[in-house]
Amino acid sequence: MAIYTVHEPPRRDAEVLAHTDRFRFIRDGFSWGAFLFGPLWMLRHRLWLVLLLYLVVIAVVLFALRTSPIGTVAAVELVSLLIGIEASTLRRWTLGRRRWTSLGVVVGDDLEAAERRFFDAWVKDPSVARLRAVPVAPSTIIPATHDVMGLFPEAGARS
């Protein structure tokens, strides 16, 4: 089962169906494409700022390790591994910078199953897709009791 995060773009018009076609489902996990073809993968997903930062990091690594070819190769491979591991995070970060809204997380065997599961829940209740962090009101905080769970029968007791 794969885990996907769902992202909604800023709304252009009032057409709901056309708007839902623009939703993005980003699979969480390692990306072989980002690992093997980092800069090309970044261009394909339009991650311009990420590509710029990647080029700066690679230039600094190449400059710092210019006397050690084996160290340079190892460092570049480690940066590529990091890009492969964090590929979905980089895509989510870029969408957030473009003012896309994160709607939630959905689990599915593949992208189609995840989309079906998300939109089934969304059609039944559109507020399900609007998972927002709700601050806890002070009145809902559970007051502390004098009962103590743990090794000691009383608060502050020592054996």
Protein backbone atom coordinates (compact mmCIF):
# COMPACT_ATOMS: atom_id res chain seq x y z
CA MET A 1 0.00 0.00 0.00
CA ALA A 2 1.31 3.39 -0.99
CA ILE A 3 0.70 6.63 0.89
CA TYR A 4 -0.20 9.75 -1.08
CA THR A 5 -0.64 13.35 0.01
CA VAL A 6 -3.37 15.30 -1.78
CA HIS A 7 -2.84 18.92 -2.80
CA GLU A 8 -5.33 21.46 -4.12
CA PRO A 9 -4.20 24.34 -6.34
CA PRO A 10 -5.42 27.90 -5.87
CA ARG A 11 -8.89 28.14 -7.39
CA ARG A 12 -9.07 29.82 -10.82
CA ASP A 13 -12.79 29.74 -11.39
CA ALA A 14 -16.02 28.41 -9.90
CA GLU A 15 -16.01 25.21 -11.99
CA VAL A 16 -15.58 22.46 -9.41
CA LEU A 17 -15.01 19.52 -11.78
CA ALA A 18 -12.33 21.33 -13.76
CA HIS A 19 -10.72 22.36 -10.49
CA THR A 20 -10.62 18.81 -9.13
CA ASP A 21 -8.80 17.67 -12.28
CA ARG A 22 -5.88 19.80 -11.15
CA PHE A 23 -5.49 18.08 -7.75
CA ARG A 24 -2.06 16.49 -7.24
CA PHE A 25 -1.46 13.17 -5.52
CA ILE A 26 2.17 12.92 -4.42
CA ARG A 27 3.40 9.45 -3.50
CA ASP A 28 5.45 9.31 -0.35
CA GLY A 29 8.61 7.25 -0.49
CA PHE A 30 11.85 6.80 -2.38
CA SER A 31 11.97 8.09 -5.97
CA TRP A 32 14.26 6.19 -8.32
CA GLY A 33 13.85 8.86 -11.00
CA ALA A 34 15.02 11.58 -8.62
CA PHE A 35 17.93 9.43 -7.47
CA LEU A 36 19.16 8.44 -10.93
CA PHE A 37 18.28 11.57 -12.94
CA GLY A 38 18.14 14.33 -10.29
CA PRO A 39 18.35 17.49 -12.41
CA LEU A 40 16.15 16.08 -15.18
CA TRP A 41 13.59 14.93 -12.61
CA MET A 42 13.59 18.43 -11.11
CA LEU A 43 13.03 19.99 -14.54
CA ARG A 44 10.20 17.56 -15.29
CA HIS A 45 8.41 18.51 -12.06
CA ARG A 46 9.19 22.22 -12.45
CA LEU A 47 11.18 22.46 -9.23
CA TRP A 48 13.18 25.51 -10.29
CA LEU A 49 14.33 26.66 -6.86
CA VAL A 50 15.20 23.10 -5.84
CA LEU A 51 17.25 22.71 -9.01
CA LEU A 52 19.09 25.96 -8.31
CA LEU A 53 19.88 24.86 -4.74
CA TYR A 54 20.96 21.43 -6.02
CA LEU A 55 23.39 23.03 -8.50
CA VAL A 56 24.81 25.27 -5.78
CA VAL A 57 25.32 22.31 -3.42
CA ILE A 58 26.96 20.22 -6.15
CA ALA A 59 29.24 23.14 -7.09
CA VAL A 60 30.29 23.60 -3.45
CA VAL A 61 30.93 19.85 -3.08
CA LEU A 62 32.96 19.72 -6.28
CA PHE A 63 34.97 22.76 -5.24
CA ALA A 64 35.57 21.50 -1.69
CA LEU A 65 36.63 18.02 -2.80
CA ARG A 66 38.42 18.91 -6.03
CA THR A 67 41.62 17.12 -4.99
CA SER A 68 39.89 13.82 -4.15
CA PRO A 69 38.06 12.26 -7.11
CA ILE A 70 36.79 9.31 -5.04
CA GLY A 71 35.51 11.66 -2.33
CA THR A 72 33.82 13.80 -4.96
CA VAL A 73 32.01 10.85 -6.50
CA ALA A 74 30.93 9.59 -3.07
CA ALA A 75 29.67 13.03 -2.03
CA VAL A 76 27.71 13.51 -5.27
CA GLU A 77 26.18 10.05 -4.86
CA LEU A 78 25.19 10.86 -1.28
CA VAL A 79 23.52 14.07 -2.46
CA SER A 80 21.70 12.03 -5.14
CA LEU A 81 20.59 9.54 -2.50
CA LEU A 82 19.27 12.40 -0.37
CA ILE A 83 17.37 13.78 -3.36
CA GLY A 84 15.84 10.33 -3.98
CA ILE A 85 14.78 10.00 -0.35
CA GLU A 86 13.37 13.52 -0.05
CA ALA A 87 11.84 13.80 -3.54
CA SER A 88 8.23 13.84 -2.35
CA THR A 89 9.09 16.37 0.37
CA LEU A 90 10.69 18.64 -2.22
CA ARG A 91 7.57 18.44 -4.40
CA ARG A 92 5.27 19.19 -1.43
CA TRP A 93 7.50 22.12 -0.40
CA THR A 94 7.37 23.57 -3.91
CA LEU A 95 3.58 23.23 -4.08
CA GLY A 96 3.33 24.94 -0.69
CA ARG A 97 5.43 27.84 -1.98
CA ARG A 98 2.99 28.12 -4.89
CA ARG A 99 0.11 28.44 -2.39
CA TRP A 100 -1.33 24.97 -2.95
CA THR A 101 -3.35 23.61 -0.06
CA SER A 102 -2.63 20.24 1.47
CA LEU A 103 -5.94 18.40 1.77
CA GLY A 104 -4.80 15.30 3.56
CA VAL A 105 -3.35 11.85 3.20
CA VAL A 106 -4.82 8.84 1.42
CA VAL A 107 -3.66 5.23 1.18
CA GLY A 108 -4.10 3.04 -1.88
CA ASP A 109 -2.57 0.17 -3.80
CA ASP A 110 -1.75 2.55 -6.66
CA LEU A 111 -2.50 6.09 -7.77
CA GLU A 112 -5.88 5.18 -9.27
CA ALA A 113 -7.06 3.44 -6.09
CA ALA A 114 -5.88 6.37 -3.97
CA GLU A 115 -7.71 8.85 -6.19
CA ARG A 116 -10.88 6.76 -6.08
CA ARG A 117 -10.72 6.46 -2.30
CA PHE A 118 -10.09 10.18 -1.82
CA PHE A 119 -12.83 11.37 -4.16
CA ASP A 120 -15.35 8.87 -2.76
CA ALA A 121 -14.84 10.39 0.67
CA TRP A 122 -14.75 13.91 -0.76
CA VAL A 123 -18.04 13.56 -2.66
CA LYS A 124 -19.80 12.30 0.47
CA ASP A 125 -18.47 15.12 2.62
CA PRO A 126 -16.19 17.81 1.11
CA SER A 127 -15.15 18.88 4.60
CA VAL A 128 -13.35 15.53 4.97
CA ALA A 129 -10.83 16.77 2.45
CA ARG A 130 -10.31 19.99 4.38
CA LEU A 131 -8.26 18.61 7.24
CA ARG A 132 -7.00 21.65 9.07
CA ALA A 133 -5.11 21.86 12.32
CA VAL A 134 -7.55 23.11 14.92
CA PRO A 135 -6.00 24.83 17.93
CA VAL A 136 -6.99 23.35 21.25
CA ALA A 137 -9.13 25.67 23.31
CA PRO A 138 -8.05 26.06 26.95
CA SER A 139 -11.42 24.74 28.16
CA THR A 140 -10.81 21.39 26.44
CA ILE A 141 -7.56 20.73 28.25
CA ILE A 142 -8.03 17.90 30.71
CA PRO A 143 -7.20 19.01 34.24
CA ALA A 144 -4.44 17.15 36.04
CA THR A 145 -5.56 14.63 38.62
CA HIS A 146 -3.73 13.58 41.70
CA ASP A 147 -3.64 9.95 40.65
CA VAL A 148 -0.22 8.89 39.52
CA MET A 149 0.46 6.15 37.04
CA GLY A 150 3.83 4.55 37.17
CA LEU A 151 6.13 3.01 39.73
CA PHE A 152 5.31 5.26 42.69
CA PRO A 153 1.87 5.35 44.37
CA GLU A 154 2.01 9.06 45.15
CA ALA A 155 3.25 12.11 43.32
CA GLY A 156 6.76 12.93 44.44
CA ALA A 157 7.14 9.74 46.49
CA ARG A 158 10.45 7.94 46.49
CA SER A 159 11.33 4.45 47.50
